[in-house]
């Protein structure tokens, strides 16, 4: 029973994921603004200062971001640039 409880607690901290088009990337402040591909297509700002990220995202590219929602907002864990993966 203890193992099941521990597994449950770990799963509750799983990151959330959002995918959309880059509207703005601020390399100084380490933030990305994306337009969510899901309706209502909101513009979302994600802090990515400690996120794992490959190439610097450019406006118009499609990215998928895993993140945690904190009191400071959306804090990115990983930024995956799908525009570089789609052939």
PDB file of N, CA and C in Angstrom:
ATOM      1  N   UNK A   1       0.817  -1.205   0.000  1.00  0.00           N
ATOM      2  CA  UNK A   1       0.000   0.000   0.000  1.00  0.00           C
ATOM      3  C   UNK A   1       0.853   1.258   0.000  1.00  0.00           C
ATOM      4  N   UNK A   2       1.942   1.239   0.713  1.00  0.00           N
ATOM      5  CA  UNK A   2       2.799   2.421   0.773  1.00  0.00           C
ATOM      6  C   UNK A   2       3.337   2.759  -0.608  1.00  0.00           C
ATOM      7  N   UNK A   3       3.743   1.762  -1.376  1.00  0.00           N
ATOM      8  CA  UNK A   3       4.275   1.990  -2.715  1.00  0.00           C
ATOM      9  C   UNK A   3       3.227   2.624  -3.619  1.00  0.00           C
ATOM     10  N   UNK A   4       2.000   2.154  -3.540  1.00  0.00           N
ATOM     11  CA  UNK A   4       0.930   2.723  -4.348  1.00  0.00           C
ATOM     12  C   UNK A   4       0.708   4.182  -3.975  1.00  0.00           C
ATOM     13  N   UNK A   5       0.705   4.498  -2.697  1.00  0.00           N
ATOM     14  CA  UNK A   5       0.534   5.880  -2.245  1.00  0.00           C
ATOM     15  C   UNK A   5       1.659   6.773  -2.732  1.00  0.00           C
ATOM     16  N   UNK A   6       2.892   6.268  -2.675  1.00  0.00           N
ATOM     17  CA  UNK A   6       4.044   7.046  -3.141  1.00  0.00           C
ATOM     18  C   UNK A   6       3.959   7.284  -4.639  1.00  0.00           C
ATOM     19  N   UNK A   7       3.524   6.278  -5.386  1.00  0.00           N
ATOM     20  CA  UNK A   7       3.368   6.428  -6.827  1.00  0.00           C
ATOM     21  C   UNK A   7       2.295   7.459  -7.137  1.00  0.00           C
ATOM     22  N   UNK A   8       1.227   7.448  -6.402  1.00  0.00           N
ATOM     23  CA  UNK A   8       0.140   8.406  -6.604  1.00  0.00           C
ATOM     24  C   UNK A   8       0.624   9.834  -6.384  1.00  0.00           C
ATOM     25  N   UNK A   9       1.394  10.067  -5.329  1.00  0.00           N
ATOM     26  CA  UNK A   9       1.896  11.404  -5.055  1.00  0.00           C
ATOM     27  C   UNK A   9       2.837  11.875  -6.151  1.00  0.00           C
ATOM     28  N   UNK A  10       3.663  10.996  -6.667  1.00  0.00           N
ATOM     29  CA  UNK A  10       4.581  11.351  -7.742  1.00  0.00           C
ATOM     30  C   UNK A  10       3.813  11.720  -8.999  1.00  0.00           C
ATOM     31  N   UNK A  11       2.770  10.991  -9.314  1.00  0.00           N
ATOM     32  CA  UNK A  11       1.990  11.251 -10.527  1.00  0.00           C
ATOM     33  C   UNK A  11       1.254  12.583 -10.452  1.00  0.00           C
ATOM     34  N   UNK A  12       0.878  13.027  -9.267  1.00  0.00           N
ATOM     35  CA  UNK A  12       0.136  14.274  -9.143  1.00  0.00           C
ATOM     36  C   UNK A  12       1.008  15.482  -9.486  1.00  0.00           C
ATOM     37  N   UNK A  13       2.334  15.320  -9.461  1.00  0.00           N
ATOM     38  CA  UNK A  13       3.239  16.400  -9.795  1.00  0.00           C
ATOM     39  C   UNK A  13       3.677  16.364 -11.255  1.00  0.00           C
ATOM     40  N   UNK A  14       3.024  15.550 -12.061  1.00  0.00           N
ATOM     41  CA  UNK A  14       3.396  15.438 -13.467  1.00  0.00           C
ATOM     42  C   UNK A  14       3.232  16.792 -14.156  1.00  0.00           C
ATOM     43  N   UNK A  15       4.154  17.138 -15.051  1.00  0.00           N
ATOM     44  CA  UNK A  15       4.046  18.419 -15.742  1.00  0.00           C
ATOM     45  C   UNK A  15       2.866  18.454 -16.701  1.00  0.00           C
ATOM     46  N   UNK A  16       2.397  19.652 -16.977  1.00  0.00           N
ATOM     47  CA  UNK A  16       1.361  19.859 -17.976  1.00  0.00           C
ATOM     48  C   UNK A  16       2.066  20.188 -19.282  1.00  0.00           C
ATOM     49  N   UNK A  17       1.345  20.085 -20.394  1.00  0.00           N
ATOM     50  CA  UNK A  17       1.939  20.315 -21.702  1.00  0.00           C
ATOM     51  C   UNK A  17       1.050  21.245 -22.506  1.00  0.00           C
ATOM     52  N   UNK A  18       1.688  22.174 -23.220  1.00  0.00           N
ATOM     53  CA  UNK A  18       0.973  23.072 -24.117  1.00  0.00           C
ATOM     54  C   UNK A  18       1.746  23.112 -25.430  1.00  0.00           C
ATOM     55  N   UNK A  19       1.011  23.260 -26.523  1.00  0.00           N
ATOM     56  CA  UNK A  19       1.650  23.328 -27.838  1.00  0.00           C
ATOM     57  C   UNK A  19       1.052  24.493 -28.596  1.00  0.00           C
ATOM     58  N   UNK A  20       1.905  25.213 -29.310  1.00  0.00           N
ATOM     59  CA  UNK A  20       1.406  26.334 -30.089  1.00  0.00           C
ATOM     60  C   UNK A  20       2.494  27.023 -30.877  1.00  0.00           C
ATOM     61  N   UNK A  21       2.131  28.168 -31.440  1.00  0.00           N
ATOM     62  CA  UNK A  21       3.019  28.945 -32.287  1.00  0.00           C
ATOM     63  C   UNK A  21       3.696  30.043 -31.478  1.00  0.00           C
ATOM     64  N   UNK A  22       4.998  30.198 -31.667  1.00  0.00           N
ATOM     65  CA  UNK A  22       5.751  31.236 -30.956  1.00  0.00           C
ATOM     66  C   UNK A  22       5.320  32.614 -31.463  1.00  0.00           C
ATOM     67  N   UNK A  23       4.906  33.470 -30.529  1.00  0.00           N
ATOM     68  CA  UNK A  23       4.544  34.852 -30.824  1.00  0.00           C
ATOM     69  C   UNK A  23       5.726  35.758 -30.502  1.00  0.00           C
ATOM     70  N   UNK A  24       6.455  35.414 -29.422  1.00  0.00           N
ATOM     71  CA  UNK A  24       7.595  36.221 -28.995  1.00  0.00           C
ATOM     72  C   UNK A  24       8.526  35.357 -28.155  1.00  0.00           C
ATOM     73  N   UNK A  25       9.830  35.576 -28.319  1.00  0.00           N
ATOM     74  CA  UNK A  25      10.825  34.949 -27.445  1.00  0.00           C
ATOM     75  C   UNK A  25      11.745  36.051 -26.954  1.00  0.00           C
ATOM     76  N   UNK A  26      11.852  36.195 -25.631  1.00  0.00           N
ATOM     77  CA  UNK A  26      12.710  37.216 -25.035  1.00  0.00           C
ATOM     78  C   UNK A  26      13.895  36.496 -24.398  1.00  0.00           C
ATOM     79  N   UNK A  27      15.048  36.556 -25.066  1.00  0.00           N
ATOM     80  CA  UNK A  27      16.222  35.831 -24.568  1.00  0.00           C
ATOM     81  C   UNK A  27      16.816  36.464 -23.316  1.00  0.00           C
ATOM     82  N   UNK A  28      16.547  37.746 -23.091  1.00  0.00           N
ATOM     83  CA  UNK A  28      17.050  38.423 -21.892  1.00  0.00           C
ATOM     84  C   UNK A  28      16.254  37.998 -20.663  1.00  0.00           C
ATOM     85  N   UNK A  29      14.930  38.035 -20.783  1.00  0.00           N
ATOM     86  CA  UNK A  29      14.054  37.658 -19.664  1.00  0.00           C
ATOM     87  C   UNK A  29      13.769  36.167 -19.618  1.00  0.00           C
ATOM     88  N   UNK A  30      14.187  35.451 -20.664  1.00  0.00           N
ATOM     89  CA  UNK A  30      13.962  34.008 -20.770  1.00  0.00           C
ATOM     90  C   UNK A  30      12.476  33.661 -20.671  1.00  0.00           C
ATOM     91  N   UNK A  31      11.681  34.306 -21.522  1.00  0.00           N
ATOM     92  CA  UNK A  31      10.255  34.007 -21.604  1.00  0.00           C
ATOM     93  C   UNK A  31       9.872  33.738 -23.050  1.00  0.00           C
ATOM     94  N   UNK A  32       8.888  32.878 -23.219  1.00  0.00           N
ATOM     95  CA  UNK A  32       8.300  32.600 -24.529  1.00  0.00           C
ATOM     96  C   UNK A  32       6.818  32.898 -24.429  1.00  0.00           C
ATOM     97  N   UNK A  33       6.299  33.611 -25.406  1.00  0.00           N
ATOM     98  CA  UNK A  33       4.859  33.808 -25.537  1.00  0.00           C
ATOM     99  C   UNK A  33       4.426  32.951 -26.720  1.00  0.00           C
ATOM    100  N   UNK A  34       3.458  32.066 -26.482  1.00  0.00           N
ATOM    101  CA  UNK A  34       2.941  31.233 -27.568  1.00  0.00           C
ATOM    102  C   UNK A  34       1.436  31.402 -27.679  1.00  0.00           C
ATOM    103  N   UNK A  35       0.921  31.145 -28.868  1.00  0.00           N
ATOM    104  CA  UNK A  35      -0.525  31.104 -29.088  1.00  0.00           C
ATOM    105  C   UNK A  35      -0.909  29.631 -29.061  1.00  0.00           C
ATOM    106  N   UNK A  36      -1.656  29.260 -28.020  1.00  0.00           N
ATOM    107  CA  UNK A  36      -2.071  27.874 -27.817  1.00  0.00           C
ATOM    108  C   UNK A  36      -2.854  27.392 -29.029  1.00  0.00           C
ATOM    109  N   UNK A  37      -2.546  26.175 -29.496  1.00  0.00           N
ATOM    110  CA  UNK A  37      -3.268  25.648 -30.652  1.00  0.00           C
ATOM    111  C   UNK A  37      -4.679  25.187 -30.285  1.00  0.00           C
ATOM    112  N   UNK A  38      -4.955  25.034 -28.992  1.00  0.00           N
ATOM    113  CA  UNK A  38      -6.293  24.644 -28.544  1.00  0.00           C
ATOM    114  C   UNK A  38      -7.187  25.873 -28.410  1.00  0.00           C
ATOM    115  N   UNK A  39      -8.435  25.745 -28.783  1.00  0.00           N
ATOM    116  CA  UNK A  39      -9.400  26.823 -28.636  1.00  0.00           C
ATOM    117  C   UNK A  39      -9.506  27.168 -27.165  1.00  0.00           C
ATOM    118  N   UNK A  40      -9.501  28.409 -26.778  1.00  0.00           N
ATOM    119  CA  UNK A  40      -9.718  29.631 -27.558  1.00  0.00           C
ATOM    120  C   UNK A  40      -8.449  30.306 -28.057  1.00  0.00           C
ATOM    121  N   UNK A  41      -7.366  29.554 -28.270  1.00  0.00           N
ATOM    122  CA  UNK A  41      -6.124  30.080 -28.846  1.00  0.00           C
ATOM    123  C   UNK A  41      -5.547  31.241 -28.049  1.00  0.00           C
ATOM    124  N   UNK A  42      -5.488  31.074 -26.734  1.00  0.00           N
ATOM    125  CA  UNK A  42      -4.947  32.108 -25.858  1.00  0.00           C
ATOM    126  C   UNK A  42      -3.457  32.290 -26.074  1.00  0.00           C
ATOM    127  N   UNK A  43      -2.968  33.506 -25.810  1.00  0.00           N
ATOM    128  CA  UNK A  43      -1.540  33.750 -25.776  1.00  0.00           C
ATOM    129  C   UNK A  43      -1.068  33.501 -24.345  1.00  0.00           C
ATOM    130  N   UNK A  44      -0.079  32.634 -24.204  1.00  0.00           N
ATOM    131  CA  UNK A  44       0.423  32.216 -22.898  1.00  0.00           C
ATOM    132  C   UNK A  44       1.903  32.561 -22.784  1.00  0.00           C
ATOM    133  N   UNK A  45       2.303  33.055 -21.622  1.00  0.00           N
ATOM    134  CA  UNK A  45       3.701  33.384 -21.368  1.00  0.00           C
ATOM    135  C   UNK A  45       4.286  32.331 -20.444  1.00  0.00           C
ATOM    136  N   UNK A  46       5.423  31.768 -20.855  1.00  0.00           N
ATOM    137  CA  UNK A  46       6.077  30.716 -20.082  1.00  0.00           C
ATOM    138  C   UNK A  46       7.500  31.167 -19.739  1.00  0.00           C
ATOM    139  N   UNK A  47       7.860  31.073 -18.468  1.00  0.00           N
ATOM    140  CA  UNK A  47       9.218  31.361 -18.005  1.00  0.00           C
ATOM    141  C   UNK A  47      10.083  30.142 -18.330  1.00  0.00           C
ATOM    142  N   UNK A  48      11.183  30.333 -19.077  1.00  0.00           N
ATOM    143  CA  UNK A  48      11.991  29.192 -19.510  1.00  0.00           C
ATOM    144  C   UNK A  48      13.453  29.297 -19.070  1.00  0.00           C
ATOM    145  N   UNK A  49      13.723  30.077 -18.034  1.00  0.00           N
ATOM    146  CA  UNK A  49      15.118  30.284 -17.606  1.00  0.00           C
ATOM    147  C   UNK A  49      15.808  28.993 -17.179  1.00  0.00           C
ATOM    148  N   UNK A  50      15.070  28.048 -16.628  1.00  0.00           N
ATOM    149  CA  UNK A  50      15.689  26.791 -16.196  1.00  0.00           C
ATOM    150  C   UNK A  50      15.227  25.606 -17.042  1.00  0.00           C
ATOM    151  N   UNK A  51      14.556  25.889 -18.152  1.00  0.00           N
ATOM    152  CA  UNK A  51      14.033  24.816 -19.004  1.00  0.00           C
ATOM    153  C   UNK A  51      15.116  24.239 -19.907  1.00  0.00           C
ATOM    154  N   UNK A  52      14.981  22.960 -20.190  1.00  0.00           N
ATOM    155  CA  UNK A  52      15.836  22.306 -21.181  1.00  0.00           C
ATOM    156  C   UNK A  52      15.336  22.761 -22.550  1.00  0.00           C
ATOM    157  N   UNK A  53      16.249  23.306 -23.365  1.00  0.00           N
ATOM    158  CA  UNK A  53      15.820  23.855 -24.649  1.00  0.00           C
ATOM    159  C   UNK A  53      16.937  23.671 -25.667  1.00  0.00           C
ATOM    160  N   UNK A  54      16.571  23.264 -26.863  1.00  0.00           N
ATOM    161  CA  UNK A  54      17.552  23.116 -27.940  1.00  0.00           C
ATOM    162  C   UNK A  54      17.810  24.468 -28.584  1.00  0.00           C
ATOM    163  N   UNK A  55      17.521  24.556 -29.858  1.00  0.00           N
ATOM    164  CA  UNK A  55      17.741  25.811 -30.572  1.00  0.00           C
ATOM    165  C   UNK A  55      16.779  26.886 -30.087  1.00  0.00           C
ATOM    166  N   UNK A  56      17.227  28.116 -30.142  1.00  0.00           N
ATOM    167  CA  UNK A  56      16.406  29.246 -29.710  1.00  0.00           C
ATOM    168  C   UNK A  56      15.168  29.351 -30.608  1.00  0.00           C
ATOM    169  N   UNK A  57      13.974  29.383 -30.008  1.00  0.00           N
ATOM    170  CA  UNK A  57      12.757  29.439 -30.818  1.00  0.00           C
ATOM    171  C   UNK A  57      12.610  30.789 -31.523  1.00  0.00           C
ATOM    172  N   UNK A  58      12.028  30.745 -32.711  1.00  0.00           N
ATOM    173  CA  UNK A  58      11.795  31.953 -33.500  1.00  0.00           C
ATOM    174  C   UNK A  58      10.300  32.150 -33.695  1.00  0.00           C
ATOM    175  N   UNK A  59       9.902  33.393 -33.862  1.00  0.00           N
ATOM    176  CA  UNK A  59       8.496  33.724 -34.095  1.00  0.00           C
ATOM    177  C   UNK A  59       7.978  32.910 -35.277  1.00  0.00           C
ATOM    178  N   UNK A  60       6.802  32.313 -35.092  1.00  0.00           N
ATOM    179  CA  UNK A  60       6.159  31.526 -36.139  1.00  0.00           C
ATOM    180  C   UNK A  60       6.420  30.036 -36.047  1.00  0.00           C
ATOM    181  N   UNK A  61       7.436  29.626 -35.280  1.00  0.00           N
ATOM    182  CA  UNK A  61       7.724  28.203 -35.142  1.00  0.00           C
ATOM    183  C   UNK A  61       6.737  27.557 -34.169  1.00  0.00           C
ATOM    184  N   UNK A  62       6.561  26.252 -34.317  1.00  0.00           N
ATOM    185  CA  UNK A  62       5.651  25.499 -33.444  1.00  0.00           C
ATOM    186  C   UNK A  62       6.491  24.821 -32.368  1.00  0.00           C
ATOM    187  N   UNK A  63       6.086  25.036 -31.111  1.00  0.00           N
ATOM    188  CA  UNK A  63       6.788  24.433 -29.983  1.00  0.00           C
ATOM    189  C   UNK A  63       5.811  23.685 -29.084  1.00  0.00           C
ATOM    190  N   UNK A  64       6.360  22.711 -28.381  1.00  0.00           N
ATOM    191  CA  UNK A  64       5.611  22.006 -27.327  1.00  0.00           C
ATOM    192  C   UNK A  64       6.400  22.243 -26.052  1.00  0.00           C
ATOM    193  N   UNK A  65       5.708  22.702 -25.011  1.00  0.00           N
ATOM    194  CA  UNK A  65       6.372  23.040 -23.752  1.00  0.00           C
ATOM    195  C   UNK A  65       5.752  22.241 -22.615  1.00  0.00           C
ATOM    196  N   UNK A  66       6.596  21.533 -21.868  1.00  0.00           N
ATOM    197  CA  UNK A  66       6.128  20.920 -20.626  1.00  0.00           C
ATOM    198  C   UNK A  66       6.456  21.912 -19.515  1.00  0.00           C
ATOM    199  N   UNK A  67       5.521  22.060 -18.575  1.00  0.00           N
ATOM    200  CA  UNK A  67       5.661  23.099 -17.553  1.00  0.00           C
ATOM    201  C   UNK A  67       4.923  22.725 -16.284  1.00  0.00           C
ATOM    202  N   UNK A  68       5.237  23.460 -15.222  1.00  0.00           N
ATOM    203  CA  UNK A  68       4.495  23.403 -13.963  1.00  0.00           C
ATOM    204  C   UNK A  68       3.847  24.759 -13.751  1.00  0.00           C
ATOM    205  N   UNK A  69       2.630  24.747 -13.267  1.00  0.00           N
ATOM    206  CA  UNK A  69       1.946  25.989 -12.900  1.00  0.00           C
ATOM    207  C   UNK A  69       2.327  26.313 -11.463  1.00  0.00           C
ATOM    208  N   UNK A  70       2.913  27.494 -11.239  1.00  0.00           N
ATOM    209  CA  UNK A  70       3.335  27.898  -9.899  1.00  0.00           C
ATOM    210  C   UNK A  70       2.690  29.239  -9.559  1.00  0.00           C
ATOM    211  N   UNK A  71       2.985  29.730  -8.367  1.00  0.00           N
ATOM    212  CA  UNK A  71       2.466  31.046  -7.983  1.00  0.00           C
ATOM    213  C   UNK A  71       3.067  32.153  -8.845  1.00  0.00           C
ATOM    214  N   UNK A  72       4.215  31.871  -9.502  1.00  0.00           N
ATOM    215  CA  UNK A  72       4.832  32.841 -10.409  1.00  0.00           C
ATOM    216  C   UNK A  72       4.353  32.679 -11.842  1.00  0.00           C
ATOM    217  N   UNK A  73       3.459  31.740 -12.100  1.00  0.00           N
ATOM    218  CA  UNK A  73       2.944  31.509 -13.447  1.00  0.00           C
ATOM    219  C   UNK A  73       3.420  30.176 -14.004  1.00  0.00           C
ATOM    220  N   UNK A  74       3.494  30.101 -15.331  1.00  0.00           N
ATOM    221  CA  UNK A  74       3.909  28.882 -16.007  1.00  0.00           C
ATOM    222  C   UNK A  74       5.446  28.834 -16.049  1.00  0.00           C
ATOM    223  N   UNK A  75       6.014  27.778 -15.464  1.00  0.00           N
ATOM    224  CA  UNK A  75       7.471  27.625 -15.423  1.00  0.00           C
ATOM    225  C   UNK A  75       7.842  26.412 -16.271  1.00  0.00           C
ATOM    226  N   UNK A  76       8.523  26.667 -17.380  1.00  0.00           N
ATOM    227  CA  UNK A  76       8.858  25.617 -18.326  1.00  0.00           C
ATOM    228  C   UNK A  76       9.906  24.654 -17.812  1.00  0.00           C
ATOM    229  N   UNK A  77       9.753  23.392 -18.206  1.00  0.00           N
ATOM    230  CA  UNK A  77      10.701  22.336 -17.884  1.00  0.00           C
ATOM    231  C   UNK A  77      11.487  21.962 -19.137  1.00  0.00           C
ATOM    232  N   UNK A  78      10.764  21.845 -20.249  1.00  0.00           N
ATOM    233  CA  UNK A  78      11.388  21.469 -21.519  1.00  0.00           C
ATOM    234  C   UNK A  78      10.646  22.162 -22.662  1.00  0.00           C
ATOM    235  N   UNK A  79      11.419  22.685 -23.607  1.00  0.00           N
ATOM    236  CA  UNK A  79      10.861  23.310 -24.808  1.00  0.00           C
ATOM    237  C   UNK A  79      11.307  22.476 -25.995  1.00  0.00           C
ATOM    238  N   UNK A  80      10.344  21.922 -26.713  1.00  0.00           N
ATOM    239  CA  UNK A  80      10.636  21.103 -27.889  1.00  0.00           C
ATOM    240  C   UNK A  80      10.189  21.868 -29.130  1.00  0.00           C
ATOM    241  N   UNK A  81      11.116  22.149 -30.020  1.00  0.00           N
ATOM    242  CA  UNK A  81      10.803  22.906 -31.227  1.00  0.00           C
ATOM    243  C   UNK A  81      10.371  21.925 -32.310  1.00  0.00           C
ATOM    244  N   UNK A  82       9.059  21.839 -32.536  1.00  0.00           N
ATOM    245  CA  UNK A  82       8.511  20.877 -33.493  1.00  0.00           C
ATOM    246  C   UNK A  82       8.772  21.294 -34.932  1.00  0.00           C
ATOM    247  N   UNK A  83       8.978  22.567 -35.171  1.00  0.00           N
ATOM    248  CA  UNK A  83       9.254  23.038 -36.539  1.00  0.00           C
ATOM    249  C   UNK A  83      10.551  22.442 -37.064  1.00  0.00           C
ATOM    250  N   UNK A  84      11.478  22.127 -36.191  1.00  0.00           N
ATOM    251  CA  UNK A  84      12.756  21.556 -36.605  1.00  0.00           C
ATOM    252  C   UNK A  84      12.654  20.046 -36.739  1.00  0.00           C
ATOM    253  N   UNK A  85      11.578  19.447 -36.214  1.00  0.00           N
ATOM    254  CA  UNK A  85      11.423  17.997 -36.263  1.00  0.00           C
ATOM    255  C   UNK A  85      10.549  17.548 -37.414  1.00  0.00           C
ATOM    256  N   UNK A  86       9.677  18.430 -37.899  1.00  0.00           N
ATOM    257  CA  UNK A  86       8.746  18.091 -38.975  1.00  0.00           C
ATOM    258  C   UNK A  86       9.491  18.179 -40.303  1.00  0.00           C
ATOM    259  N   UNK A  87       9.435  17.122 -41.065  1.00  0.00           N
ATOM    260  CA  UNK A  87      10.120  17.088 -42.366  1.00  0.00           C
ATOM    261  C   UNK A  87       9.114  16.990 -43.466  1.00  0.00           C
TER     262      UNK A  87
END
